Amino acid sequence: MALVGALLVFGAVAAEGPPAPAGMEIVATGVPRPLQLAIDGATLIVLSPGAGGDVAGELYRVDVGGELPVDLSRQPRVRIPYRDERLAALGSLALHPITRELFLGEENGHRVYRLGDDGRLTTYAVGLQRLSGGGTLVFDADARLIVVDYVDPRLSPGEERTPPGLEQFREEDYRGPLVFRLTIDSAIPLPRRLGALAPLFPRAWGGRQGGALLPRLISAAPQPSGQLTFLSSNGSVYRLGPENTFGPFTRLPAGQYNRTTMLGAPDGSVFVSGGFHASAIFRIGPDGAVTTVATNLSDPEGIALDARGDLYVAESSYHRIVRLRGATPLPPSRR
């Protein structure tokens, strides 16, 4: 109880925090270590692990068109209980663009869940190897769920099964990313068993004997063109084309990246949260040019873009959400 009290006191102190970074404004405070964000109309959805360690996660909702900033420690929230004795916390979040259902992934776990209206989780997919947090769940333009997984025999010594679709390379000790693309179809029985599903990527990869090791992909963003953009842990950015062509696209400033989020903007650019080590928000233009749009952030993790072009950032270390207005130009109006 004393530890929980200390955490709550720390959260309250941090909620007061310093002023927002230059050019940004505070939207919400008092949310314990916000991890992921999603925009649903005029509502900002915030995923947090909570302060007490007694739930898999907590969801907050903020009316960004209302009076701001709001102290979320005084607002109602949805507390999501642990599913089983593994006590797996939730670290990734994706909003279905049509049904508006929320999908959540375990932090360094094996499962993806769908959240019901009653606040309870339904197991949607199982059989992942190592689903990390950050931007490892995202919906593409066709409302298909993109899941970024990672397999490494050194991290899972008990796993002897070759990644699905790569059986021809059984002796080559495959280590690298697995990217799945799931069509959301109510006719498909749940849970989806990804251990029996061939990945979207890689296909026909030769492991160590194929010439090089694939990078560890930690975040994904869909593009209007149908391409998928990925970030690796060393800041290299890759693209996967419609024909399953995979190659380097650009590079962020040198550094270590983890628990980052990417999102695609209507103009074809991509925003990237730098995470704890980079402390910045980057914009990747359609031509691959990288610019810095915000700096001096304290562990920026989840990001979300609303219809007005405003960018929301989960400043995790300060337990708050900040906003950058006009981060991207609005698409031209149709008359």
C-alpha atoms as a PDB file:
ATOM      1  CA  MET A   1       0.000   0.000   0.000  1.00  0.00           C
ATOM      2  CA  ALA A   2       2.847   2.362   0.810  1.00  0.00           C
ATOM      3  CA  LEU A   3       4.390   1.719  -2.603  1.00  0.00           C
ATOM      4  CA  VAL A   4       1.105   2.399  -4.369  1.00  0.00           C
ATOM      5  CA  GLY A   5       0.689   5.584  -2.361  1.00  0.00           C
ATOM      6  CA  ALA A   6       4.187   6.692  -3.294  1.00  0.00           C
ATOM      7  CA  LEU A   7       3.474   6.062  -6.949  1.00  0.00           C
ATOM      8  CA  LEU A   8       0.282   8.094  -6.789  1.00  0.00           C
ATOM      9  CA  VAL A   9       2.029  10.954  -5.028  1.00  0.00           C
ATOM     10  CA  PHE A  10       4.831  10.863  -7.595  1.00  0.00           C
ATOM     11  CA  GLY A  11       2.246  10.940 -10.392  1.00  0.00           C
ATOM     12  CA  ALA A  12       0.519  13.936  -8.843  1.00  0.00           C
ATOM     13  CA  VAL A  13       3.788  15.846  -8.499  1.00  0.00           C
ATOM     14  CA  ALA A  14       4.845  14.959 -12.042  1.00  0.00           C
ATOM     15  CA  ALA A  15       1.441  16.019 -13.330  1.00  0.00           C
ATOM     16  CA  GLU A  16       2.195  19.605 -12.312  1.00  0.00           C
ATOM     17  CA  GLY A  17       5.382  19.340 -14.360  1.00  0.00           C
ATOM     18  CA  PRO A  18       7.342  21.970 -16.260  1.00  0.00           C
ATOM     19  CA  PRO A  19       5.838  24.063 -19.062  1.00  0.00           C
ATOM     20  CA  ALA A  20       5.192  22.317 -22.366  1.00  0.00           C
ATOM     21  CA  PRO A  21       8.055  22.325 -24.885  1.00  0.00           C
ATOM     22  CA  ALA A  22       8.226  25.321 -27.201  1.00  0.00           C
ATOM     23  CA  GLY A  23       5.359  25.422 -29.676  1.00  0.00           C
ATOM     24  CA  MET A  24       3.288  22.845 -27.788  1.00  0.00           C
ATOM     25  CA  GLU A  25       0.455  22.989 -25.259  1.00  0.00           C
ATOM     26  CA  ILE A  26      -0.625  20.690 -22.443  1.00  0.00           C
ATOM     27  CA  VAL A  27      -3.827  18.754 -23.137  1.00  0.00           C
ATOM     28  CA  ALA A  28      -4.048  16.352 -20.184  1.00  0.00           C
ATOM     29  CA  THR A  29      -2.170  15.632 -16.965  1.00  0.00           C
ATOM     30  CA  GLY A  30      -2.331  13.046 -14.185  1.00  0.00           C
ATOM     31  CA  VAL A  31      -2.238   9.907 -16.360  1.00  0.00           C
ATOM     32  CA  PRO A  32       0.320   7.359 -15.102  1.00  0.00           C
ATOM     33  CA  ARG A  33       2.970   6.821 -17.776  1.00  0.00           C
ATOM     34  CA  PRO A  34       0.839   7.145 -20.922  1.00  0.00           C
ATOM     35  CA  LEU A  35       1.979   4.634 -23.532  1.00  0.00           C
ATOM     36  CA  GLN A  36      -0.270   4.779 -26.586  1.00  0.00           C
ATOM     37  CA  LEU A  37      -2.781   7.177 -28.141  1.00  0.00           C
ATOM     38  CA  ALA A  38      -5.608   6.919 -30.665  1.00  0.00           C
ATOM     39  CA  ILE A  39      -8.011   9.511 -32.064  1.00  0.00           C
ATOM     40  CA  ASP A  40     -11.713   8.674 -32.398  1.00  0.00           C
ATOM     41  CA  GLY A  41     -13.382  11.793 -33.791  1.00  0.00           C
ATOM     42  CA  ALA A  42     -13.004  14.489 -31.137  1.00  0.00           C
ATOM     43  CA  THR A  43     -11.983  11.956 -28.488  1.00  0.00           C
ATOM     44  CA  LEU A  44      -8.393  11.132 -27.621  1.00  0.00           C
ATOM     45  CA  ILE A  45      -7.961   7.594 -26.257  1.00  0.00           C
ATOM     46  CA  VAL A  46      -5.016   7.052 -23.909  1.00  0.00           C
ATOM     47  CA  LEU A  47      -3.558   3.684 -22.880  1.00  0.00           C
ATOM     48  CA  SER A  48      -1.740   3.638 -19.536  1.00  0.00           C
ATOM     49  CA  PRO A  49      -0.377   0.772 -17.402  1.00  0.00           C
ATOM     50  CA  GLY A  50      -1.959   2.373 -14.334  1.00  0.00           C
ATOM     51  CA  ALA A  51      -0.178   3.338 -11.143  1.00  0.00           C
ATOM     52  CA  GLY A  52      -0.705   0.291  -8.951  1.00  0.00           C
ATOM     53  CA  GLY A  53       0.409  -2.647 -11.113  1.00  0.00           C
ATOM     54  CA  ASP A  54      -2.893  -4.402 -10.386  1.00  0.00           C
ATOM     55  CA  VAL A  55      -4.376  -4.263 -13.907  1.00  0.00           C
ATOM     56  CA  ALA A  56      -3.237  -5.056 -17.445  1.00  0.00           C
ATOM     57  CA  GLY A  57      -3.914  -1.461 -18.415  1.00  0.00           C
ATOM     58  CA  GLU A  58      -6.174   1.554 -18.111  1.00  0.00           C
ATOM     59  CA  LEU A  59      -7.955   3.530 -20.827  1.00  0.00           C
ATOM     60  CA  TYR A  60      -8.755   7.228 -20.551  1.00  0.00           C
ATOM     61  CA  ARG A  61     -10.821   9.346 -22.940  1.00  0.00           C
ATOM     62  CA  VAL A  62     -10.263  13.072 -23.460  1.00  0.00           C
ATOM     63  CA  ASP A  63     -12.621  15.425 -25.299  1.00  0.00           C
ATOM     64  CA  VAL A  64     -10.037  17.467 -27.190  1.00  0.00           C
ATOM     65  CA  GLY A  65     -12.724  19.940 -28.218  1.00  0.00           C
ATOM     66  CA  GLY A  66     -13.597  20.710 -24.599  1.00  0.00           C
ATOM     67  CA  GLU A  67     -11.919  22.728 -21.887  1.00  0.00           C
ATOM     68  CA  LEU A  68      -8.228  21.865 -21.639  1.00  0.00           C
ATOM     69  CA  PRO A  69      -6.002  20.880 -19.973  1.00  0.00           C
ATOM     70  CA  VAL A  70      -7.867  18.207 -18.057  1.00  0.00           C
ATOM     71  CA  ASP A  71      -6.597  16.371 -14.967  1.00  0.00           C
ATOM     72  CA  LEU A  72      -7.200  12.713 -15.795  1.00  0.00           C
ATOM     73  CA  SER A  73      -6.508  11.585 -12.231  1.00  0.00           C
ATOM     74  CA  ARG A  74      -9.960  12.992 -11.431  1.00  0.00           C
ATOM     75  CA  GLN A  75     -11.706  11.458 -14.447  1.00  0.00           C
ATOM     76  CA  PRO A  76     -13.323   8.033 -14.922  1.00  0.00           C
ATOM     77  CA  ARG A  77     -11.296   5.384 -16.699  1.00  0.00           C
ATOM     78  CA  VAL A  78     -11.681   1.805 -17.921  1.00  0.00           C
ATOM     79  CA  ARG A  79      -9.575  -0.586 -15.843  1.00  0.00           C
ATOM     80  CA  ILE A  80      -8.699  -3.712 -17.818  1.00  0.00           C
ATOM     81  CA  PRO A  81      -8.040  -6.732 -15.567  1.00  0.00           C
ATOM     82  CA  TYR A  82      -5.281  -9.258 -16.186  1.00  0.00           C
ATOM     83  CA  ARG A  83      -6.410 -12.182 -18.309  1.00  0.00           C
ATOM     84  CA  ASP A  84      -4.485 -14.914 -16.498  1.00  0.00           C
ATOM     85  CA  GLU A  85      -1.691 -15.707 -14.060  1.00  0.00           C
ATOM     86  CA  ARG A  86       0.978 -14.470 -16.499  1.00  0.00           C
ATOM     87  CA  LEU A  87       0.020 -10.897 -15.514  1.00  0.00           C
ATOM     88  CA  ALA A  88       0.802  -9.670 -19.025  1.00  0.00           C
ATOM     89  CA  ALA A  89       0.497  -5.895 -19.357  1.00  0.00           C
ATOM     90  CA  LEU A  90      -0.797  -4.147 -22.472  1.00  0.00           C
ATOM     91  CA  GLY A  91       1.609  -2.042 -24.526  1.00  0.00           C
ATOM     92  CA  SER A  92       0.165  -1.483 -28.009  1.00  0.00           C
ATOM     93  CA  LEU A  93      -3.120  -0.038 -29.246  1.00  0.00           C
ATOM     94  CA  ALA A  94      -4.937   0.225 -32.590  1.00  0.00           C
ATOM     95  CA  LEU A  95      -8.372   1.645 -33.441  1.00  0.00           C
ATOM     96  CA  HIS A  96     -10.368  -0.044 -36.215  1.00  0.00           C
ATOM     97  CA  PRO A  97     -11.144   2.736 -38.726  1.00  0.00           C
ATOM     98  CA  ILE A  98     -14.668   1.460 -39.471  1.00  0.00           C
ATOM     99  CA  THR A  99     -16.084  -0.330 -36.423  1.00  0.00           C
ATOM    100  CA  ARG A 100     -14.116   1.888 -33.965  1.00  0.00           C
ATOM    101  CA  GLU A 101     -13.233  -1.201 -31.932  1.00  0.00           C
ATOM    102  CA  LEU A 102      -9.996  -1.156 -29.971  1.00  0.00           C
ATOM    103  CA  PHE A 103      -7.328  -3.818 -30.406  1.00  0.00           C
ATOM    104  CA  LEU A 104      -4.576  -4.158 -27.802  1.00  0.00           C
ATOM    105  CA  GLY A 105      -1.359  -6.166 -27.738  1.00  0.00           C
ATOM    106  CA  GLU A 106       0.610  -7.637 -24.872  1.00  0.00           C
ATOM    107  CA  GLU A 107       3.888  -5.974 -23.961  1.00  0.00           C
ATOM    108  CA  ASN A 108       6.627  -8.445 -24.994  1.00  0.00           C
ATOM    109  CA  GLY A 109       3.922 -11.078 -25.168  1.00  0.00           C
ATOM    110  CA  HIS A 110       2.129 -13.447 -27.493  1.00  0.00           C
ATOM    111  CA  ARG A 111      -1.471 -12.243 -27.842  1.00  0.00           C
ATOM    112  CA  VAL A 112      -3.663  -9.559 -29.361  1.00  0.00           C
ATOM    113  CA  TYR A 113      -7.014  -8.705 -27.770  1.00  0.00           C
ATOM    114  CA  ARG A 114     -10.186  -6.943 -28.839  1.00  0.00           C
ATOM    115  CA  LEU A 115     -11.869  -4.742 -26.248  1.00  0.00           C
ATOM    116  CA  GLY A 116     -15.606  -5.127 -25.784  1.00  0.00           C
ATOM    117  CA  ASP A 117     -18.090  -2.427 -24.822  1.00  0.00           C
ATOM    118  CA  ASP A 118     -18.135  -3.895 -21.300  1.00  0.00           C
ATOM    119  CA  GLY A 119     -14.396  -3.261 -20.857  1.00  0.00           C
ATOM    120  CA  ARG A 120     -13.514  -6.949 -21.099  1.00  0.00           C
ATOM    121  CA  LEU A 121     -10.936  -8.420 -23.439  1.00  0.00           C
ATOM    122  CA  THR A 122     -11.591 -11.077 -26.059  1.00  0.00           C
ATOM    123  CA  THR A 123      -8.528 -12.957 -27.238  1.00  0.00           C
ATOM    124  CA  TYR A 124      -8.268 -12.133 -30.932  1.00  0.00           C
ATOM    125  CA  ALA A 125      -4.915 -13.657 -31.941  1.00  0.00           C
ATOM    126  CA  VAL A 126      -2.421 -16.022 -30.320  1.00  0.00           C
ATOM    127  CA  GLY A 127       0.880 -17.581 -31.342  1.00  0.00           C
ATOM    128  CA  LEU A 128       3.064 -14.499 -31.607  1.00  0.00           C
ATOM    129  CA  GLN A 129       6.702 -14.841 -30.633  1.00  0.00           C
ATOM    130  CA  ARG A 130       7.604 -11.508 -29.046  1.00  0.00           C
ATOM    131  CA  LEU A 131       5.122  -8.686 -29.627  1.00  0.00           C
ATOM    132  CA  SER A 132       6.688  -5.545 -28.216  1.00  0.00           C
ATOM    133  CA  GLY A 133       4.922  -2.337 -27.272  1.00  0.00           C
ATOM    134  CA  GLY A 134       4.860   0.883 -29.250  1.00  0.00           C
ATOM    135  CA  GLY A 135       3.650   0.952 -32.831  1.00  0.00           C
ATOM    136  CA  THR A 136       3.547  -2.806 -33.423  1.00  0.00           C
ATOM    137  CA  LEU A 137      -0.227  -2.799 -34.067  1.00  0.00           C
ATOM    138  CA  VAL A 138      -1.723  -0.572 -36.766  1.00  0.00           C
ATOM    139  CA  PHE A 139      -4.565  -0.660 -39.286  1.00  0.00           C
ATOM    140  CA  ASP A 140      -3.839  -0.034 -42.951  1.00  0.00           C
ATOM    141  CA  ALA A 141      -6.010   1.893 -45.421  1.00  0.00           C
ATOM    142  CA  ASP A 142      -8.073  -1.247 -46.102  1.00  0.00           C
ATOM    143  CA  ALA A 143      -8.828  -1.755 -42.383  1.00  0.00           C
ATOM    144  CA  ARG A 144      -6.509  -4.754 -42.114  1.00  0.00           C
ATOM    145  CA  LEU A 145      -4.560  -5.200 -38.897  1.00  0.00           C
ATOM    146  CA  ILE A 146      -0.773  -5.079 -39.283  1.00  0.00           C
ATOM    147  CA  VAL A 147       1.117  -6.912 -36.516  1.00  0.00           C
ATOM    148  CA  VAL A 148       4.901  -6.617 -36.136  1.00  0.00           C
ATOM    149  CA  ASP A 149       6.408  -9.595 -34.318  1.00  0.00           C
ATOM    150  CA  TYR A 150       9.989 -10.730 -33.717  1.00  0.00           C
ATOM    151  CA  VAL A 151      11.495 -14.200 -33.476  1.00  0.00           C
ATOM    152  CA  ASP A 152      14.880 -15.028 -31.977  1.00  0.00           C
ATOM    153  CA  PRO A 153      15.793 -18.527 -30.752  1.00  0.00           C
ATOM    154  CA  ARG A 154      18.147 -16.966 -28.211  1.00  0.00           C
ATOM    155  CA  LEU A 155      15.223 -15.138 -26.571  1.00  0.00           C
ATOM    156  CA  SER A 156      12.856 -18.116 -26.752  1.00  0.00           C
ATOM    157  CA  PRO A 157      15.088 -21.202 -26.360  1.00  0.00           C
ATOM    158  CA  GLY A 158      12.086 -23.456 -25.867  1.00  0.00           C
ATOM    159  CA  GLU A 159      10.650 -22.566 -29.266  1.00  0.00           C
ATOM    160  CA  GLU A 160      11.827 -25.118 -31.809  1.00  0.00           C
ATOM    161  CA  ARG A 161       9.198 -24.504 -34.469  1.00  0.00           C
ATOM    162  CA  THR A 162      10.339 -22.718 -37.604  1.00  0.00           C
ATOM    163  CA  PRO A 163       8.426 -19.472 -38.238  1.00  0.00           C
ATOM    164  CA  PRO A 164       5.380 -20.268 -40.413  1.00  0.00           C
ATOM    165  CA  GLY A 165       6.028 -20.038 -44.119  1.00  0.00           C
ATOM    166  CA  LEU A 166       9.798 -20.411 -43.649  1.00  0.00           C
ATOM    167  CA  GLU A 167      10.007 -24.186 -43.243  1.00  0.00           C
ATOM    168  CA  GLN A 168      12.389 -24.453 -46.205  1.00  0.00           C
ATOM    169  CA  PHE A 169      14.977 -22.639 -44.084  1.00  0.00           C
ATOM    170  CA  ARG A 170      14.654 -24.906 -41.073  1.00  0.00           C
ATOM    171  CA  GLU A 171      18.406 -25.353 -40.699  1.00  0.00           C
ATOM    172  CA  GLU A 172      19.301 -21.691 -41.138  1.00  0.00           C
ATOM    173  CA  ASP A 173      18.392 -20.421 -37.670  1.00  0.00           C
ATOM    174  CA  TYR A 174      16.079 -17.615 -38.804  1.00  0.00           C
ATOM    175  CA  ARG A 175      16.184 -14.579 -36.546  1.00  0.00           C
ATOM    176  CA  GLY A 176      14.296 -11.432 -37.407  1.00  0.00           C
ATOM    177  CA  PRO A 177      10.915  -9.779 -37.891  1.00  0.00           C
ATOM    178  CA  LEU A 178       7.602 -11.365 -38.748  1.00  0.00           C
ATOM    179  CA  VAL A 179       4.910  -9.067 -40.152  1.00  0.00           C
ATOM    180  CA  PHE A 180       1.316 -10.293 -40.299  1.00  0.00           C
ATOM    181  CA  ARG A 181      -1.639  -8.680 -42.078  1.00  0.00           C
ATOM    182  CA  LEU A 182      -5.032  -9.773 -40.761  1.00  0.00           C
ATOM    183  CA  THR A 183      -8.398  -9.143 -42.373  1.00  0.00           C
ATOM    184  CA  ILE A 184     -10.976  -8.466 -39.667  1.00  0.00           C
ATOM    185  CA  ASP A 185     -13.781 -10.875 -40.522  1.00  0.00           C
ATOM    186  CA  SER A 186     -16.446 -11.994 -38.055  1.00  0.00           C
ATOM    187  CA  ALA A 187     -16.759 -15.296 -39.933  1.00  0.00           C
ATOM    188  CA  ILE A 188     -13.229 -16.336 -38.921  1.00  0.00           C
ATOM    189  CA  PRO A 189     -13.217 -18.303 -35.630  1.00  0.00           C
ATOM    190  CA  LEU A 190     -11.365 -16.783 -32.693  1.00  0.00           C
ATOM    191  CA  PRO A 191      -8.700 -16.749 -31.559  1.00  0.00           C
ATOM    192  CA  ARG A 192      -6.752 -16.371 -34.786  1.00  0.00           C
ATOM    193  CA  ARG A 193      -3.820 -18.774 -34.570  1.00  0.00           C
ATOM    194  CA  LEU A 194      -0.863 -16.971 -36.081  1.00  0.00           C
ATOM    195  CA  GLY A 195       1.446 -19.920 -35.456  1.00  0.00           C
ATOM    196  CA  ALA A 196      -0.224 -21.601 -38.436  1.00  0.00           C
ATOM    197  CA  LEU A 197      -0.348 -18.508 -40.655  1.00  0.00           C
ATOM    198  CA  ALA A 198       2.371 -17.560 -43.131  1.00  0.00           C
ATOM    199  CA  PRO A 199       3.524 -13.974 -42.558  1.00  0.00           C
ATOM    200  CA  LEU A 200       3.140 -11.135 -45.013  1.00  0.00           C
ATOM    201  CA  PHE A 201       6.866 -10.611 -44.558  1.00  0.00           C
ATOM    202  CA  PRO A 202       9.389 -12.123 -44.924  1.00  0.00           C
ATOM    203  CA  ARG A 203       8.733 -14.536 -47.759  1.00  0.00           C
ATOM    204  CA  ALA A 204      11.461 -16.839 -49.071  1.00  0.00           C
ATOM    205  CA  TRP A 205      14.110 -15.382 -46.775  1.00  0.00           C
ATOM    206  CA  GLY A 206      17.323 -17.381 -46.429  1.00  0.00           C
ATOM    207  CA  GLY A 207      18.211 -16.604 -42.825  1.00  0.00           C
ATOM    208  CA  ARG A 208      21.910 -16.254 -42.097  1.00  0.00           C
ATOM    209  CA  GLN A 209      22.776 -17.985 -45.377  1.00  0.00           C
ATOM    210  CA  GLY A 210      20.687 -15.501 -47.340  1.00  0.00           C
ATOM    211  CA  GLY A 211      23.395 -12.849 -47.212  1.00  0.00           C
ATOM    212  CA  ALA A 212      22.436 -10.718 -44.192  1.00  0.00           C
ATOM    213  CA  LEU A 213      20.258 -10.592 -41.118  1.00  0.00           C
ATOM    214  CA  LEU A 214      17.042  -8.637 -41.318  1.00  0.00           C
ATOM    215  CA  PRO A 215      16.766  -5.660 -38.942  1.00  0.00           C
ATOM    216  CA  ARG A 216      14.614  -5.706 -35.853  1.00  0.00           C
ATOM    217  CA  LEU A 217      11.478  -3.770 -36.774  1.00  0.00           C
ATOM    218  CA  ILE A 218       9.829  -1.999 -33.843  1.00  0.00           C
ATOM    219  CA  SER A 219       7.106   0.156 -35.395  1.00  0.00           C
ATOM    220  CA  ALA A 220       4.985   0.369 -38.548  1.00  0.00           C
ATOM    221  CA  ALA A 221       2.954   2.969 -40.426  1.00  0.00           C
ATOM    222  CA  PRO A 222       0.767   2.451 -43.514  1.00  0.00           C
ATOM    223  CA  GLN A 223       1.020   4.783 -46.504  1.00  0.00           C
ATOM    224  CA  PRO A 224      -1.766   6.024 -48.815  1.00  0.00           C
ATOM    225  CA  SER A 225       0.113   4.317 -51.661  1.00  0.00           C
ATOM    226  CA  GLY A 226      -0.349   0.909 -50.031  1.00  0.00           C
ATOM    227  CA  GLN A 227       3.249   0.707 -48.860  1.00  0.00           C
ATOM    228  CA  LEU A 228       4.187   0.005 -45.262  1.00  0.00           C
ATOM    229  CA  THR A 229       6.930   2.006 -43.552  1.00  0.00           C
ATOM    230  CA  PHE A 230       8.923   0.406 -40.729  1.00  0.00           C
ATOM    231  CA  LEU A 231      11.403   1.713 -38.171  1.00  0.00           C
ATOM    232  CA  SER A 232      14.264  -0.404 -36.862  1.00  0.00           C
ATOM    233  CA  SER A 233      15.832  -0.102 -33.434  1.00  0.00           C
ATOM    234  CA  ASN A 234      18.895   1.721 -34.823  1.00  0.00           C
ATOM    235  CA  GLY A 235      16.857   4.423 -36.595  1.00  0.00           C
ATOM    236  CA  SER A 236      16.916   2.986 -40.110  1.00  0.00           C
ATOM    237  CA  VAL A 237      13.599   3.294 -41.954  1.00  0.00           C
ATOM    238  CA  TYR A 238      12.433   0.673 -44.451  1.00  0.00           C
ATOM    239  CA  ARG A 239       9.541   0.289 -46.849  1.00  0.00           C
ATOM    240  CA  LEU A 240       7.600  -2.791 -47.870  1.00  0.00           C
ATOM    241  CA  GLY A 241       5.928  -2.367 -51.250  1.00  0.00           C
ATOM    242  CA  PRO A 242       2.707  -3.924 -52.566  1.00  0.00           C
ATOM    243  CA  GLU A 243       4.787  -6.558 -54.385  1.00  0.00           C
ATOM    244  CA  ASN A 244       6.520  -7.515 -51.119  1.00  0.00           C
ATOM    245  CA  THR A 245       9.676  -5.633 -52.073  1.00  0.00           C
ATOM    246  CA  PHE A 246      11.561  -4.623 -48.940  1.00  0.00           C
ATOM    247  CA  GLY A 247      14.360  -2.074 -48.821  1.00  0.00           C
ATOM    248  CA  PRO A 248      15.884   0.934 -47.049  1.00  0.00           C
ATOM    249  CA  PHE A 249      14.103   4.270 -47.394  1.00  0.00           C
ATOM    250  CA  THR A 250      15.785   6.786 -45.087  1.00  0.00           C
ATOM    251  CA  ARG A 251      17.355   7.117 -41.656  1.00  0.00           C
ATOM    252  CA  LEU A 252      16.573   9.030 -38.474  1.00  0.00           C
ATOM    253  CA  PRO A 253      19.346  10.744 -36.491  1.00  0.00           C
ATOM    254  CA  ALA A 254      21.754   8.164 -35.081  1.00  0.00           C
ATOM    255  CA  GLY A 255      20.588   6.740 -31.781  1.00  0.00           C
ATOM    256  CA  GLN A 256      18.790   3.954 -29.988  1.00  0.00           C
ATOM    257  CA  TYR A 257      15.053   3.667 -30.601  1.00  0.00           C
ATOM    258  CA  ASN A 258      12.569   1.594 -28.650  1.00  0.00           C
ATOM    259  CA  ARG A 259       8.896   1.875 -27.695  1.00  0.00           C
ATOM    260  CA  THR A 260       8.362   4.327 -30.508  1.00  0.00           C
ATOM    261  CA  THR A 261       5.235   4.972 -32.541  1.00  0.00           C
ATOM    262  CA  MET A 262       4.881   5.873 -36.212  1.00  0.00           C
ATOM    263  CA  LEU A 263       1.826   7.215 -38.006  1.00  0.00           C
ATOM    264  CA  GLY A 264       1.118   8.070 -41.598  1.00  0.00           C
ATOM    265  CA  ALA A 265      -0.335  11.485 -42.484  1.00  0.00           C
ATOM    266  CA  PRO A 266      -2.722  12.182 -45.395  1.00  0.00           C
ATOM    267  CA  ASP A 267       0.017  14.004 -47.329  1.00  0.00           C
ATOM    268  CA  GLY A 268       2.187  10.870 -47.433  1.00  0.00           C
ATOM    269  CA  SER A 269       4.545  11.924 -44.658  1.00  0.00           C
ATOM    270  CA  VAL A 270       5.242   9.866 -41.536  1.00  0.00           C
ATOM    271  CA  PHE A 271       5.591  11.105 -37.951  1.00  0.00           C
ATOM    272  CA  VAL A 272       7.821   9.213 -35.513  1.00  0.00           C
ATOM    273  CA  SER A 273       8.042   9.553 -31.739  1.00  0.00           C
ATOM    274  CA  GLY A 274      11.666   9.282 -30.685  1.00  0.00           C
ATOM    275  CA  GLY A 275      11.116   7.565 -27.343  1.00  0.00           C
ATOM    276  CA  PHE A 276      13.226   7.895 -24.224  1.00  0.00           C
ATOM    277  CA  HIS A 277      16.620   8.250 -25.899  1.00  0.00           C
ATOM    278  CA  ALA A 278      15.753  10.643 -28.741  1.00  0.00           C
ATOM    279  CA  SER A 279      13.312  12.956 -26.870  1.00  0.00           C
ATOM    280  CA  ALA A 280      11.962  14.372 -30.133  1.00  0.00           C
ATOM    281  CA  ILE A 281       9.285  14.012 -32.807  1.00  0.00           C
ATOM    282  CA  PHE A 282      10.452  13.529 -36.386  1.00  0.00           C
ATOM    283  CA  ARG A 283       8.676  13.954 -39.710  1.00  0.00           C
ATOM    284  CA  ILE A 284       9.683  11.872 -42.714  1.00  0.00           C
ATOM    285  CA  GLY A 285       8.598  13.523 -45.953  1.00  0.00           C
ATOM    286  CA  PRO A 286       7.330  11.537 -48.954  1.00  0.00           C
ATOM    287  CA  ASP A 287      10.800  11.977 -50.473  1.00  0.00           C
ATOM    288  CA  GLY A 288      12.535  10.579 -47.371  1.00  0.00           C
ATOM    289  CA  ALA A 289      13.725  13.932 -45.998  1.00  0.00           C
ATOM    290  CA  VAL A 290      13.790  13.894 -42.179  1.00  0.00           C
ATOM    291  CA  THR A 291      12.970  17.007 -40.151  1.00  0.00           C
ATOM    292  CA  THR A 292      12.525  17.532 -36.409  1.00  0.00           C
ATOM    293  CA  VAL A 293       9.156  19.031 -35.487  1.00  0.00           C
ATOM    294  CA  ALA A 294       9.452  18.986 -31.668  1.00  0.00           C
ATOM    295  CA  THR A 295      12.330  18.639 -29.211  1.00  0.00           C
ATOM    296  CA  ASN A 296      13.038  18.484 -25.468  1.00  0.00           C
ATOM    297  CA  LEU A 297      10.212  16.036 -24.840  1.00  0.00           C
ATOM    298  CA  SER A 298      10.390  13.701 -21.856  1.00  0.00           C
ATOM    299  CA  ASP A 299      10.095  10.124 -23.157  1.00  0.00           C
ATOM    300  CA  PRO A 300       7.644  10.721 -26.042  1.00  0.00           C
ATOM    301  CA  GLU A 301       5.866   7.440 -26.785  1.00  0.00           C
ATOM    302  CA  GLY A 302       2.380   7.282 -28.309  1.00  0.00           C
ATOM    303  CA  ILE A 303       1.348   9.842 -30.945  1.00  0.00           C
ATOM    304  CA  ALA A 304      -1.939  10.556 -32.716  1.00  0.00           C
ATOM    305  CA  LEU A 305      -3.049  12.937 -35.469  1.00  0.00           C
ATOM    306  CA  ASP A 306      -6.548  14.421 -35.602  1.00  0.00           C
ATOM    307  CA  ALA A 307      -8.571  15.599 -38.596  1.00  0.00           C
ATOM    308  CA  ARG A 308      -7.405  19.188 -38.089  1.00  0.00           C
ATOM    309  CA  GLY A 309      -3.761  18.207 -38.458  1.00  0.00           C
ATOM    310  CA  ASP A 310      -2.954  18.579 -34.747  1.00  0.00           C
ATOM    311  CA  LEU A 311      -0.442  16.103 -33.343  1.00  0.00           C
ATOM    312  CA  TYR A 312      -0.867  14.656 -29.827  1.00  0.00           C
ATOM    313  CA  VAL A 313       2.120  13.221 -27.948  1.00  0.00           C
ATOM    314  CA  ALA A 314       2.214  11.041 -24.821  1.00  0.00           C
ATOM    315  CA  GLU A 315       4.992  12.637 -22.767  1.00  0.00           C
ATOM    316  CA  SER A 316       5.357   9.562 -20.613  1.00  0.00           C
ATOM    317  CA  SER A 317       7.883  10.685 -18.002  1.00  0.00           C
ATOM    318  CA  TYR A 318       5.732  13.702 -17.090  1.00  0.00           C
ATOM    319  CA  HIS A 319       2.486  11.666 -17.071  1.00  0.00           C
ATOM    320  CA  ARG A 320       0.788  14.012 -19.516  1.00  0.00           C
ATOM    321  CA  ILE A 321      -0.341  14.585 -23.098  1.00  0.00           C
ATOM    322  CA  VAL A 322       0.839  17.571 -25.135  1.00  0.00           C
ATOM    323  CA  ARG A 323      -0.329  18.900 -28.500  1.00  0.00           C
ATOM    324  CA  LEU A 324       1.382  20.464 -31.504  1.00  0.00           C
ATOM    325  CA  ARG A 325      -1.127  22.419 -33.573  1.00  0.00           C
ATOM    326  CA  GLY A 326      -0.961  22.308 -37.357  1.00  0.00           C
ATOM    327  CA  ALA A 327       1.687  19.596 -37.534  1.00  0.00           C
ATOM    328  CA  THR A 328       0.585  18.652 -41.041  1.00  0.00           C
ATOM    329  CA  PRO A 329      -1.378  20.567 -43.683  1.00  0.00           C
ATOM    330  CA  LEU A 330      -5.006  19.616 -44.111  1.00  0.00           C
ATOM    331  CA  PRO A 331      -5.976  17.899 -47.372  1.00  0.00           C
ATOM    332  CA  PRO A 332      -7.685  20.233 -49.874  1.00  0.00           C
ATOM    333  CA  SER A 333     -11.433  20.506 -49.403  1.00  0.00           C
ATOM    334  CA  ARG A 334     -13.706  18.974 -52.014  1.00  0.00           C
ATOM    335  CA  ARG A 335     -16.306  21.284 -53.508  1.00  0.00           C
END
